[in-house]
Amino acid sequence: MKRIFVQIKCEPGQSYKVAETIMDEVKEVGELHSTSGQFDLLCKFHLDDDQDVGRFVTERIQTFPGIKDTFTIITFKAF
């Protein structure tokens, strides 16, 4: 299992709707937080080892209505 974090910038006024959609439709979501600053949401996803990170983000996350931009962080080890 690998973990990635995705920061999401939403269209104005869409953060809560995007968060609800991700929570309802993406089984790989582990945590989802609203944040301040450049991005509106921070999501932690648990992916299978053979799951392609690029395809997951571009095809499963970036395609939701209300998402303007994403920034993906790939992690190596949890302490």
C-alpha atoms as a PDB file:
ATOM      1  CA  MET A   1       0.000   0.000   0.000  1.00  0.00           C
ATOM      2  CA  LYS A   2       1.312   3.456  -0.871  1.00  0.00           C
ATOM      3  CA  ARG A   3       0.074   6.768   0.431  1.00  0.00           C
ATOM      4  CA  ILE A   4      -0.118  10.035  -1.456  1.00  0.00           C
ATOM      5  CA  PHE A   5      -1.283  13.472  -0.446  1.00  0.00           C
ATOM      6  CA  VAL A   6      -3.106  15.677  -2.941  1.00  0.00           C
ATOM      7  CA  GLN A   7      -3.653  19.376  -2.376  1.00  0.00           C
ATOM      8  CA  ILE A   8      -6.689  20.643  -4.261  1.00  0.00           C
ATOM      9  CA  LYS A   9      -7.503  24.175  -5.382  1.00  0.00           C
ATOM     10  CA  CYS A  10     -11.240  24.554  -5.965  1.00  0.00           C
ATOM     11  CA  GLU A  11     -13.329  26.979  -7.953  1.00  0.00           C
ATOM     12  CA  PRO A  12     -14.627  29.749  -5.669  1.00  0.00           C
ATOM     13  CA  GLY A  13     -17.422  28.502  -3.406  1.00  0.00           C
ATOM     14  CA  GLN A  14     -16.972  24.835  -4.358  1.00  0.00           C
ATOM     15  CA  SER A  15     -14.700  23.470  -1.595  1.00  0.00           C
ATOM     16  CA  TYR A  16     -17.401  21.781   0.468  1.00  0.00           C
ATOM     17  CA  LYS A  17     -19.119  20.298  -2.553  1.00  0.00           C
ATOM     18  CA  VAL A  18     -15.807  18.925  -3.886  1.00  0.00           C
ATOM     19  CA  ALA A  19     -14.992  17.473  -0.450  1.00  0.00           C
ATOM     20  CA  GLU A  20     -18.393  15.761  -0.208  1.00  0.00           C
ATOM     21  CA  THR A  21     -18.011  14.315  -3.710  1.00  0.00           C
ATOM     22  CA  ILE A  22     -14.561  12.908  -2.962  1.00  0.00           C
ATOM     23  CA  MET A  23     -15.723  11.396   0.336  1.00  0.00           C
ATOM     24  CA  ASP A  24     -18.734   9.799  -1.373  1.00  0.00           C
ATOM     25  CA  GLU A  25     -17.091   8.546  -4.562  1.00  0.00           C
ATOM     26  CA  VAL A  26     -13.412   7.757  -3.898  1.00  0.00           C
ATOM     27  CA  LYS A  27     -12.865   4.613  -1.817  1.00  0.00           C
ATOM     28  CA  GLU A  28      -9.110   5.281  -1.562  1.00  0.00           C
ATOM     29  CA  VAL A  29      -9.551   8.448   0.517  1.00  0.00           C
ATOM     30  CA  GLY A  30      -8.098   8.133   4.009  1.00  0.00           C
ATOM     31  CA  GLU A  31      -8.441  11.688   5.265  1.00  0.00           C
ATOM     32  CA  LEU A  32      -9.697  14.956   3.837  1.00  0.00           C
ATOM     33  CA  HIS A  33      -9.119  18.355   5.421  1.00  0.00           C
ATOM     34  CA  SER A  34      -9.991  21.915   4.484  1.00  0.00           C
ATOM     35  CA  THR A  35      -6.927  24.164   4.538  1.00  0.00           C
ATOM     36  CA  SER A  36      -5.984  27.811   4.201  1.00  0.00           C
ATOM     37  CA  GLY A  37      -3.459  29.208   1.782  1.00  0.00           C
ATOM     38  CA  GLN A  38      -2.838  28.388  -1.860  1.00  0.00           C
ATOM     39  CA  PHE A  39      -4.958  25.195  -1.797  1.00  0.00           C
ATOM     40  CA  ASP A  40      -8.399  24.586  -0.314  1.00  0.00           C
ATOM     41  CA  LEU A  41      -8.304  20.854   0.487  1.00  0.00           C
ATOM     42  CA  LEU A  42      -5.694  18.309   1.530  1.00  0.00           C
ATOM     43  CA  CYS A  43      -6.493  14.659   0.827  1.00  0.00           C
ATOM     44  CA  LYS A  44      -4.628  11.554   1.912  1.00  0.00           C
ATOM     45  CA  PHE A  45      -5.181   8.577  -0.369  1.00  0.00           C
ATOM     46  CA  HIS A  46      -4.226   4.928   0.145  1.00  0.00           C
ATOM     47  CA  LEU A  47      -3.373   3.309  -3.183  1.00  0.00           C
ATOM     48  CA  ASP A  48      -2.557  -0.294  -3.998  1.00  0.00           C
ATOM     49  CA  ASP A  49       1.110  -0.846  -4.833  1.00  0.00           C
ATOM     50  CA  ASP A  50       0.271  -1.540  -8.477  1.00  0.00           C
ATOM     51  CA  GLN A  51      -2.010   1.505  -8.835  1.00  0.00           C
ATOM     52  CA  ASP A  52      -0.652   4.242 -11.128  1.00  0.00           C
ATOM     53  CA  VAL A  53      -0.470   7.532  -9.201  1.00  0.00           C
ATOM     54  CA  GLY A  54      -0.591   9.696 -12.317  1.00  0.00           C
ATOM     55  CA  ARG A  55      -3.685   8.013 -13.698  1.00  0.00           C
ATOM     56  CA  PHE A  56      -5.381   8.053 -10.292  1.00  0.00           C
ATOM     57  CA  VAL A  57      -4.894  11.801  -9.877  1.00  0.00           C
ATOM     58  CA  THR A  58      -5.562  12.870 -13.476  1.00  0.00           C
ATOM     59  CA  GLU A  59      -8.457  10.519 -14.220  1.00  0.00           C
ATOM     60  CA  ARG A  60     -10.122  10.003 -10.827  1.00  0.00           C
ATOM     61  CA  ILE A  61      -9.506  13.271  -8.928  1.00  0.00           C
ATOM     62  CA  GLN A  62      -8.875  16.139 -11.357  1.00  0.00           C
ATOM     63  CA  THR A  63     -12.026  15.320 -13.339  1.00  0.00           C
ATOM     64  CA  PHE A  64     -14.469  16.189 -10.535  1.00  0.00           C
ATOM     65  CA  PRO A  65     -16.449  19.395 -11.174  1.00  0.00           C
ATOM     66  CA  GLY A  66     -15.222  22.321  -9.089  1.00  0.00           C
ATOM     67  CA  ILE A  67     -11.544  21.320  -9.051  1.00  0.00           C
ATOM     68  CA  LYS A  68      -9.276  23.953 -10.546  1.00  0.00           C
ATOM     69  CA  ASP A  69      -5.776  22.570  -9.804  1.00  0.00           C
ATOM     70  CA  THR A  70      -3.953  19.876  -7.825  1.00  0.00           C
ATOM     71  CA  PHE A  71      -0.515  19.333  -6.322  1.00  0.00           C
ATOM     72  CA  THR A  72       0.504  15.741  -5.532  1.00  0.00           C
ATOM     73  CA  ILE A  73       2.987  14.665  -2.855  1.00  0.00           C
ATOM     74  CA  ILE A  74       4.261  11.095  -3.004  1.00  0.00           C
ATOM     75  CA  THR A  75       5.438   9.734   0.336  1.00  0.00           C
ATOM     76  CA  PHE A  76       8.113   7.152   1.114  1.00  0.00           C
ATOM     77  CA  LYS A  77       7.833   6.083   4.759  1.00  0.00           C
ATOM     78  CA  ALA A  78       5.555   6.895   7.685  1.00  0.00           C
ATOM     79  CA  PHE A  79       7.160   7.310  11.098  1.00  0.00           C
END
